[in-house]
N, C-alpha and C. Protein backbone atom coordinates (compact mmCIF):
# COMPACT_ATOMS: atom_id res chain seq x y z
N UNK A 1 24.29 116.68 121.26
CA UNK A 1 23.90 117.99 120.83
C UNK A 1 22.55 118.37 121.42
N UNK A 2 21.60 117.44 121.40
CA UNK A 2 20.28 117.69 121.95
C UNK A 2 20.39 117.87 123.46
N UNK A 3 21.28 117.18 124.11
CA UNK A 3 21.47 117.29 125.56
C UNK A 3 21.95 118.69 125.94
N UNK A 4 22.87 119.20 125.11
CA UNK A 4 23.37 120.55 125.38
C UNK A 4 22.25 121.57 125.22
N UNK A 5 21.45 121.39 124.20
CA UNK A 5 20.33 122.29 123.93
C UNK A 5 19.30 122.22 125.07
N UNK A 6 18.99 121.02 125.57
CA UNK A 6 18.05 120.88 126.67
C UNK A 6 18.62 121.54 127.94
N UNK A 7 19.93 121.32 128.20
CA UNK A 7 20.58 121.95 129.35
C UNK A 7 20.52 123.49 129.23
N UNK A 8 20.79 123.98 128.03
CA UNK A 8 20.75 125.44 127.80
C UNK A 8 19.34 125.99 128.04
N UNK A 9 18.30 125.31 127.56
CA UNK A 9 16.92 125.74 127.76
C UNK A 9 16.53 125.67 129.24
N UNK A 10 17.00 124.64 129.93
CA UNK A 10 16.73 124.52 131.34
C UNK A 10 17.36 125.68 132.12
N UNK A 11 18.59 126.03 131.82
CA UNK A 11 19.28 127.15 132.47
C UNK A 11 18.58 128.47 132.15
N UNK A 12 18.13 128.60 130.90
CA UNK A 12 17.41 129.80 130.49
C UNK A 12 16.10 129.92 131.27
N UNK A 13 15.39 128.83 131.47
CA UNK A 13 14.16 128.84 132.26
C UNK A 13 14.45 129.23 133.71
N UNK A 14 15.50 128.71 134.30
CA UNK A 14 15.87 129.06 135.67
C UNK A 14 16.19 130.56 135.78
N UNK A 15 16.94 131.04 134.79
CA UNK A 15 17.29 132.46 134.78
C UNK A 15 16.03 133.34 134.67
N UNK A 16 15.09 132.96 133.83
CA UNK A 16 13.86 133.72 133.66
C UNK A 16 13.01 133.69 134.93
N UNK A 17 12.93 132.53 135.58
CA UNK A 17 12.17 132.43 136.82
C UNK A 17 12.80 133.31 137.89
N UNK A 18 14.14 133.29 137.97
CA UNK A 18 14.84 134.13 138.92
C UNK A 18 14.59 135.61 138.63
N UNK A 19 14.58 135.99 137.37
CA UNK A 19 14.32 137.38 136.98
C UNK A 19 12.90 137.79 137.37
N UNK A 20 11.93 136.91 137.17
CA UNK A 20 10.55 137.20 137.55
C UNK A 20 10.44 137.37 139.06
N UNK A 21 11.12 136.55 139.84
CA UNK A 21 11.07 136.65 141.30
C UNK A 21 11.68 137.97 141.75
N UNK A 22 12.82 138.35 141.16
CA UNK A 22 13.47 139.60 141.54
C UNK A 22 12.57 140.79 141.19
N UNK A 23 11.98 140.79 140.02
CA UNK A 23 11.08 141.88 139.62
C UNK A 23 9.85 141.95 140.53
N UNK A 24 9.32 140.79 140.91
CA UNK A 24 8.17 140.75 141.80
C UNK A 24 8.53 141.34 143.17
N UNK A 25 9.71 141.02 143.68
CA UNK A 25 10.14 141.56 144.97
C UNK A 25 10.32 143.09 144.89
N UNK A 26 10.89 143.57 143.80
CA UNK A 26 11.06 145.02 143.63
C UNK A 26 9.70 145.72 143.58
N UNK A 27 8.77 145.11 142.85
CA UNK A 27 7.44 145.70 142.75
C UNK A 27 6.80 145.76 144.13
N UNK A 28 6.94 144.71 144.93
CA UNK A 28 6.39 144.70 146.28
C UNK A 28 7.04 145.77 147.16
N UNK A 29 8.36 145.98 146.99
CA UNK A 29 9.05 147.02 147.75
C UNK A 29 8.50 148.40 147.40
N UNK A 30 8.30 148.65 146.12
CA UNK A 30 7.75 149.94 145.70
C UNK A 30 6.34 150.14 146.24
N UNK A 31 5.54 149.10 146.23
CA UNK A 31 4.18 149.18 146.76
C UNK A 31 4.23 149.48 148.26
N UNK A 32 5.15 148.83 148.98
CA UNK A 32 5.30 149.06 150.41
C UNK A 32 5.76 150.49 150.69
N UNK A 33 6.67 150.99 149.91
CA UNK A 33 7.13 152.37 150.07
C UNK A 33 5.97 153.34 149.82
N UNK A 34 5.18 153.06 148.81
CA UNK A 34 4.03 153.90 148.50
C UNK A 34 3.03 153.90 149.66
N UNK A 35 2.80 152.75 150.26
CA UNK A 35 1.91 152.66 151.41
C UNK A 35 2.45 153.48 152.58
N UNK A 36 3.75 153.35 152.83
CA UNK A 36 4.36 154.12 153.92
C UNK A 36 4.24 155.62 153.69
N UNK A 37 4.43 156.06 152.45
CA UNK A 37 4.31 157.48 152.14
C UNK A 37 2.87 157.96 152.35
N UNK A 38 1.92 157.17 151.93
CA UNK A 38 0.51 157.53 152.16
C UNK A 38 0.21 157.63 153.66
N UNK A 39 0.75 156.68 154.41
CA UNK A 39 0.53 156.67 155.85
C UNK A 39 1.15 157.91 156.49
N UNK A 40 2.35 158.26 156.09
CA UNK A 40 3.02 159.46 156.62
C UNK A 40 2.24 160.71 156.24
N UNK A 41 1.76 160.74 154.99
CA UNK A 41 0.98 161.90 154.53
C UNK A 41 -0.31 162.04 155.35
N UNK A 42 -0.99 160.95 155.61
CA UNK A 42 -2.22 161.00 156.40
C UNK A 42 -1.94 161.46 157.83
N UNK A 43 -0.83 160.96 158.41
CA UNK A 43 -0.47 161.37 159.77
C UNK A 43 -0.15 162.86 159.83
N UNK A 44 0.57 163.35 158.84
CA UNK A 44 0.91 164.78 158.85
C UNK A 44 -0.33 165.63 158.64
N UNK A 45 -1.26 165.18 157.80
CA UNK A 45 -2.51 165.91 157.62
C UNK A 45 -3.31 165.95 158.92
N UNK A 46 -3.34 164.83 159.63
CA UNK A 46 -4.04 164.78 160.90
C UNK A 46 -3.39 165.71 161.93
N UNK A 47 -2.06 165.75 161.96
CA UNK A 47 -1.36 166.62 162.89
C UNK A 47 -1.65 168.09 162.57
N UNK A 48 -1.62 168.45 161.28
CA UNK A 48 -1.91 169.83 160.89
C UNK A 48 -3.35 170.21 161.22
N UNK A 49 -4.27 169.27 160.99
CA UNK A 49 -5.67 169.55 161.31
C UNK A 49 -5.84 169.75 162.81
N UNK A 50 -5.19 168.94 163.60
CA UNK A 50 -5.27 169.07 165.06
C UNK A 50 -4.65 170.40 165.50
N UNK A 51 -3.54 170.75 164.90
CA UNK A 51 -2.88 172.02 165.24
C UNK A 51 -3.78 173.20 164.89
N UNK A 52 -4.38 173.18 163.71
CA UNK A 52 -5.27 174.26 163.31
C UNK A 52 -6.49 174.35 164.21
N UNK A 53 -7.03 173.21 164.58
CA UNK A 53 -8.18 173.19 165.48
C UNK A 53 -7.79 173.78 166.84
N UNK A 54 -6.65 173.39 167.34
CA UNK A 54 -6.18 173.93 168.62
C UNK A 54 -5.95 175.43 168.53
N UNK A 55 -5.39 175.88 167.42
CA UNK A 55 -5.15 177.30 167.21
C UNK A 55 -6.47 178.07 167.15
N UNK A 56 -7.46 177.48 166.49
CA UNK A 56 -8.78 178.10 166.43
C UNK A 56 -9.39 178.25 167.82
N UNK A 57 -9.29 177.20 168.60
CA UNK A 57 -9.84 177.24 169.95
C UNK A 57 -9.14 178.29 170.80
N UNK A 58 -7.82 178.38 170.68
CA UNK A 58 -7.08 179.39 171.44
C UNK A 58 -7.48 180.79 171.01
N UNK A 59 -7.67 181.00 169.72
CA UNK A 59 -8.10 182.31 169.23
C UNK A 59 -9.48 182.68 169.77
N UNK A 60 -10.39 181.71 169.75
CA UNK A 60 -11.73 181.97 170.27
C UNK A 60 -11.68 182.31 171.74
N UNK A 61 -10.91 181.56 172.51
CA UNK A 61 -10.82 181.85 173.95
C UNK A 61 -10.16 183.20 174.19
N UNK A 62 -9.18 183.55 173.41
CA UNK A 62 -8.53 184.85 173.55
C UNK A 62 -9.50 185.98 173.24
N UNK A 63 -10.27 185.82 172.19
CA UNK A 63 -11.24 186.85 171.81
C UNK A 63 -12.30 187.01 172.89
N UNK A 64 -12.80 185.90 173.42
CA UNK A 64 -13.81 186.01 174.48
C UNK A 64 -13.22 186.65 175.73
N UNK A 65 -11.99 186.31 176.08
CA UNK A 65 -11.35 186.93 177.24
C UNK A 65 -11.14 188.42 177.01
N UNK A 66 -10.76 188.78 175.82
CA UNK A 66 -10.52 190.18 175.50
C UNK A 66 -11.81 190.98 175.54
N UNK A 67 -12.88 190.39 175.04
CA UNK A 67 -14.16 191.10 175.02
C UNK A 67 -14.76 191.24 176.41
N UNK A 68 -14.52 190.27 177.28
CA UNK A 68 -15.13 190.30 178.61
C UNK A 68 -14.23 190.91 179.67
N UNK A 69 -13.04 191.30 179.32
CA UNK A 69 -12.15 191.87 180.34
C UNK A 69 -12.60 193.28 180.68
N UNK A 70 -12.56 193.65 181.96
CA UNK A 70 -12.98 195.00 182.36
C UNK A 70 -12.02 196.07 181.87
N UNK A 71 -10.80 195.71 181.64
CA UNK A 71 -9.81 196.66 181.17
C UNK A 71 -10.16 197.19 179.79
N UNK A 72 -10.63 196.32 178.90
CA UNK A 72 -10.99 196.76 177.55
C UNK A 72 -12.18 197.70 177.58
N UNK A 73 -13.12 197.47 178.50
CA UNK A 73 -14.28 198.37 178.62
C UNK A 73 -13.83 199.74 179.09
N UNK A 74 -12.91 199.79 180.05
CA UNK A 74 -12.40 201.07 180.53
C UNK A 74 -11.67 201.80 179.41
N UNK A 75 -10.91 201.07 178.63
CA UNK A 75 -10.17 201.70 177.54
C UNK A 75 -11.12 202.27 176.51
N UNK A 76 -12.19 201.55 176.20
CA UNK A 76 -13.14 202.06 175.21
C UNK A 76 -13.85 203.29 175.74
N UNK A 77 -14.17 203.33 177.07
CA UNK A 77 -14.78 204.51 177.66
C UNK A 77 -13.82 205.69 177.62
N UNK A 78 -12.54 205.42 177.92
CA UNK A 78 -11.53 206.47 177.88
C UNK A 78 -11.37 207.02 176.47
N UNK A 79 -11.44 206.17 175.48
CA UNK A 79 -11.28 206.60 174.10
C UNK A 79 -12.44 207.49 173.67
N UNK A 80 -13.62 207.24 174.20
CA UNK A 80 -14.77 208.07 173.84
C UNK A 80 -14.65 209.46 174.46
N UNK A 81 -14.11 209.56 175.66
CA UNK A 81 -13.97 210.84 176.35
C UNK A 81 -12.67 211.55 175.99
N UNK A 82 -11.72 210.85 175.43
CA UNK A 82 -10.39 211.37 175.18
C UNK A 82 -10.30 212.42 174.09
N UNK A 83 -11.07 212.39 172.99
CA UNK A 83 -10.90 213.41 171.96
C UNK A 83 -11.06 214.83 172.51
N UNK A 84 -11.97 215.04 173.42
CA UNK A 84 -12.13 216.37 174.02
C UNK A 84 -10.91 216.73 174.85
N UNK A 85 -10.36 215.76 175.55
CA UNK A 85 -9.20 216.01 176.38
C UNK A 85 -7.99 216.36 175.53
N UNK A 86 -7.87 215.71 174.39
CA UNK A 86 -6.73 215.96 173.50
C UNK A 86 -6.81 217.39 172.96
N UNK A 87 -7.96 217.83 172.58
CA UNK A 87 -8.14 219.17 172.05
C UNK A 87 -7.79 220.20 173.11
N UNK A 88 -8.14 219.94 174.35
CA UNK A 88 -7.87 220.88 175.42
C UNK A 88 -6.39 220.92 175.77
N UNK A 89 -5.66 219.83 175.57
CA UNK A 89 -4.27 219.76 175.97
C UNK A 89 -3.30 220.27 174.91
N UNK A 90 -3.74 220.60 173.72
CA UNK A 90 -2.84 221.08 172.67
C UNK A 90 -2.21 222.39 173.09
N UNK A 91 -0.90 222.49 172.81
CA UNK A 91 -0.19 223.71 173.14
C UNK A 91 0.29 224.36 171.85
N UNK A 92 0.60 225.64 171.88
CA UNK A 92 1.05 226.30 170.66
C UNK A 92 2.41 225.76 170.22
N UNK A 93 2.63 225.80 168.91
CA UNK A 93 3.87 225.28 168.33
C UNK A 93 4.93 226.36 168.41
N UNK A 94 6.09 225.99 168.92
CA UNK A 94 7.19 226.95 169.01
C UNK A 94 7.94 226.97 167.68
N UNK A 95 8.80 227.95 167.51
CA UNK A 95 9.58 228.08 166.27
C UNK A 95 10.51 226.88 166.09
N UNK A 96 11.07 226.41 167.18
CA UNK A 96 11.98 225.26 167.10
C UNK A 96 11.25 224.00 166.66
N UNK A 97 10.06 223.78 167.21
CA UNK A 97 9.26 222.62 166.84
C UNK A 97 8.84 222.71 165.38
N UNK A 98 8.45 223.91 164.95
CA UNK A 98 8.04 224.10 163.57
C UNK A 98 9.20 223.84 162.61
N UNK A 99 10.39 224.31 162.96
CA UNK A 99 11.55 224.07 162.08
C UNK A 99 11.88 222.59 162.03
N UNK A 100 11.72 221.88 163.13
CA UNK A 100 11.95 220.44 163.12
C UNK A 100 10.93 219.73 162.25
N UNK A 101 9.69 220.17 162.31
CA UNK A 101 8.65 219.57 161.47
C UNK A 101 8.97 219.78 159.99
N UNK A 102 9.41 221.00 159.64
CA UNK A 102 9.77 221.28 158.25
C UNK A 102 10.96 220.45 157.81
N UNK A 103 11.95 220.32 158.68
CA UNK A 103 13.13 219.51 158.35
C UNK A 103 12.74 218.06 158.13
N UNK A 104 11.85 217.54 158.95
CA UNK A 104 11.39 216.16 158.77
C UNK A 104 10.66 215.99 157.46
N UNK A 105 9.86 217.00 157.11
CA UNK A 105 9.12 216.96 155.85
C UNK A 105 10.07 216.96 154.66
N UNK A 106 11.09 217.80 154.70
CA UNK A 106 12.09 217.86 153.63
C UNK A 106 12.84 216.54 153.54
N UNK A 107 13.19 215.99 154.68
CA UNK A 107 13.89 214.71 154.72
C UNK A 107 13.05 213.61 154.08
N UNK A 108 11.77 213.56 154.40
CA UNK A 108 10.88 212.56 153.82
C UNK A 108 10.77 212.73 152.32
N UNK A 109 10.68 213.98 151.85
CA UNK A 109 10.61 214.23 150.41
C UNK A 109 11.88 213.77 149.70
N UNK A 110 13.04 214.03 150.31
CA UNK A 110 14.30 213.59 149.70
C UNK A 110 14.38 212.08 149.69
N UNK A 111 13.88 211.43 150.73
CA UNK A 111 13.90 209.97 150.77
C UNK A 111 13.03 209.41 149.64
N UNK A 112 11.89 210.01 149.39
CA UNK A 112 11.01 209.51 148.33
C UNK A 112 11.66 209.74 146.97
N UNK A 113 12.43 210.82 146.80
CA UNK A 113 13.12 211.06 145.55
C UNK A 113 14.22 210.05 145.33
N UNK A 114 14.92 209.69 146.39
CA UNK A 114 16.02 208.74 146.29
C UNK A 114 15.49 207.36 145.95
N UNK A 115 14.33 207.01 146.46
CA UNK A 115 13.79 205.68 146.27
C UNK A 115 13.35 205.42 144.83
N UNK A 116 13.00 206.47 144.07
CA UNK A 116 12.57 206.27 142.70
C UNK A 116 13.78 206.37 141.78
N UNK A 117 14.27 205.24 141.24
CA UNK A 117 15.44 205.28 140.36
C UNK A 117 15.07 205.86 139.00
N UNK A 118 16.01 206.60 138.44
CA UNK A 118 15.79 207.22 137.15
C UNK A 118 16.19 206.24 136.05
N UNK A 119 15.54 206.39 134.91
CA UNK A 119 15.89 205.55 133.78
C UNK A 119 17.18 206.08 133.17
N UNK A 120 17.76 205.28 132.31
CA UNK A 120 19.02 205.66 131.67
C UNK A 120 18.85 206.93 130.86
N UNK A 121 17.75 207.05 130.13
CA UNK A 121 17.54 208.25 129.32
C UNK A 121 17.37 209.48 130.19
N UNK A 122 16.69 209.36 131.33
CA UNK A 122 16.53 210.50 132.25
C UNK A 122 17.87 210.92 132.83
N UNK A 123 18.71 209.93 133.14
CA UNK A 123 20.02 210.25 133.68
C UNK A 123 20.87 210.99 132.65
N UNK A 124 20.82 210.53 131.39
CA UNK A 124 21.59 211.17 130.33
C UNK A 124 21.09 212.59 130.12
N UNK A 125 19.79 212.80 130.11
CA UNK A 125 19.22 214.14 129.91
C UNK A 125 19.61 215.06 131.06
N UNK A 126 19.55 214.56 132.29
CA UNK A 126 19.91 215.39 133.44
C UNK A 126 21.38 215.81 133.38
N UNK A 127 22.24 214.86 133.05
CA UNK A 127 23.67 215.17 132.99
C UNK A 127 24.00 216.12 131.84
N UNK A 128 23.29 215.96 130.73
CA UNK A 128 23.55 216.87 129.61
C UNK A 128 23.06 218.28 129.93
N UNK A 129 21.99 218.39 130.70
CA UNK A 129 21.51 219.71 131.12
C UNK A 129 22.47 220.38 132.09
N UNK A 130 23.24 219.56 132.82
CA UNK A 130 24.24 220.12 133.73
C UNK A 130 25.47 220.61 132.97
N UNK A 131 25.56 220.27 131.68
CA UNK A 131 26.66 220.76 130.86
C UNK A 131 27.78 219.77 130.64
N UNK A 132 27.57 218.50 130.96
CA UNK A 132 28.61 217.50 130.74
C UNK A 132 28.64 217.08 129.28
N UNK A 133 29.81 216.71 128.80
CA UNK A 133 29.94 216.24 127.42
C UNK A 133 29.50 214.78 127.35
N UNK A 134 29.34 214.30 126.13
CA UNK A 134 28.87 212.92 125.95
C UNK A 134 29.87 211.90 126.48
N UNK A 135 31.17 212.18 126.35
CA UNK A 135 32.18 211.24 126.86
C UNK A 135 32.18 211.23 128.38
N UNK A 136 31.98 212.39 129.02
CA UNK A 136 31.91 212.44 130.49
C UNK A 136 30.67 211.71 131.00
N UNK A 137 29.56 211.89 130.27
CA UNK A 137 28.32 211.20 130.65
C UNK A 137 28.51 209.69 130.53
N UNK A 138 29.15 209.25 129.45
CA UNK A 138 29.38 207.83 129.22
C UNK A 138 30.26 207.24 130.32
N UNK A 139 31.29 207.96 130.74
CA UNK A 139 32.16 207.47 131.81
C UNK A 139 31.40 207.38 133.13
N UNK A 140 30.60 208.39 133.41
CA UNK A 140 29.88 208.42 134.68
C UNK A 140 28.82 207.32 134.75
N UNK A 141 28.15 207.06 133.64
CA UNK A 141 27.09 206.05 133.63
C UNK A 141 27.60 204.66 133.23
N UNK A 142 28.90 204.59 132.88
CA UNK A 142 29.52 203.32 132.48
C UNK A 142 28.81 202.71 131.28
N UNK A 143 28.59 203.55 130.28
CA UNK A 143 27.98 203.11 129.03
C UNK A 143 28.87 203.57 127.88
N UNK A 144 28.52 203.15 126.67
CA UNK A 144 29.30 203.54 125.51
C UNK A 144 29.04 204.98 125.09
N UNK A 145 30.09 205.61 124.55
CA UNK A 145 29.98 207.01 124.14
C UNK A 145 28.98 207.17 123.00
N UNK A 146 28.99 206.25 122.05
CA UNK A 146 28.07 206.35 120.91
C UNK A 146 26.62 206.18 121.36
N UNK A 147 26.41 205.33 122.35
CA UNK A 147 25.05 205.13 122.87
C UNK A 147 24.53 206.42 123.48
N UNK A 148 25.39 207.11 124.24
CA UNK A 148 25.00 208.37 124.86
C UNK A 148 24.75 209.43 123.78
N UNK A 149 25.62 209.49 122.79
CA UNK A 149 25.45 210.47 121.71
C UNK A 149 24.15 210.24 120.96
N UNK A 150 23.83 208.98 120.68
CA UNK A 150 22.58 208.68 119.99
C UNK A 150 21.37 209.11 120.81
N UNK A 151 21.41 208.87 122.11
CA UNK A 151 20.30 209.29 122.97
C UNK A 151 20.16 210.81 122.97
N UNK A 152 21.29 211.52 123.02
CA UNK A 152 21.23 212.99 123.01
C UNK A 152 20.67 213.50 121.69
N UNK A 153 21.11 212.91 120.58
CA UNK A 153 20.60 213.32 119.27
C UNK A 153 19.11 213.02 119.15
N UNK A 154 18.72 211.87 119.64
CA UNK A 154 17.29 211.50 119.58
C UNK A 154 16.48 212.47 120.42
N UNK A 155 17.00 212.84 121.59
CA UNK A 155 16.29 213.79 122.45
C UNK A 155 16.21 215.18 121.79
N UNK A 156 17.26 215.60 121.11
CA UNK A 156 17.25 216.89 120.41
C UNK A 156 16.23 216.88 119.27
N UNK A 157 16.12 215.77 118.56
CA UNK A 157 15.17 215.65 117.45
C UNK A 157 13.74 215.71 117.95
N UNK A 158 13.49 215.21 119.14
CA UNK A 158 12.13 215.25 119.71
C UNK A 158 11.69 216.67 120.01
N UNK A 159 12.65 217.47 120.45
CA UNK A 159 12.33 218.84 120.80
C UNK A 159 12.07 219.63 119.56
């Protein structure tokens, strides 16, 4: 009986030692993975820093080239003399051009009206002012008839 108990304790000790070894190896793997991730993170930070530095240098060189180019100086001189030239070159507006300008203005106004969506209550009020019944309004707006009727009654009470 004691022999069986000693054998059982010996096997239990072996099992525990094996479990400790396996846990130790897993812990080492996790530590190694963590080190690799830190290393990758540092490398990516270095690459981004180098890229940003290179981008900065390119921007500086572009700005200096732009400032020292003779073409930019000519353009700035032309811009200073150009306002007088523009005033002299203006021609009278014809009726056709004026009508096109008005049409464009109307089109822009309609576009701005379309872009602003109306609320449900505004839609119900607009449709009721057009003379539609509450059931027609409900069908058109895909809402319940009682909901539309309540809104109309509430709007009448406000007035």
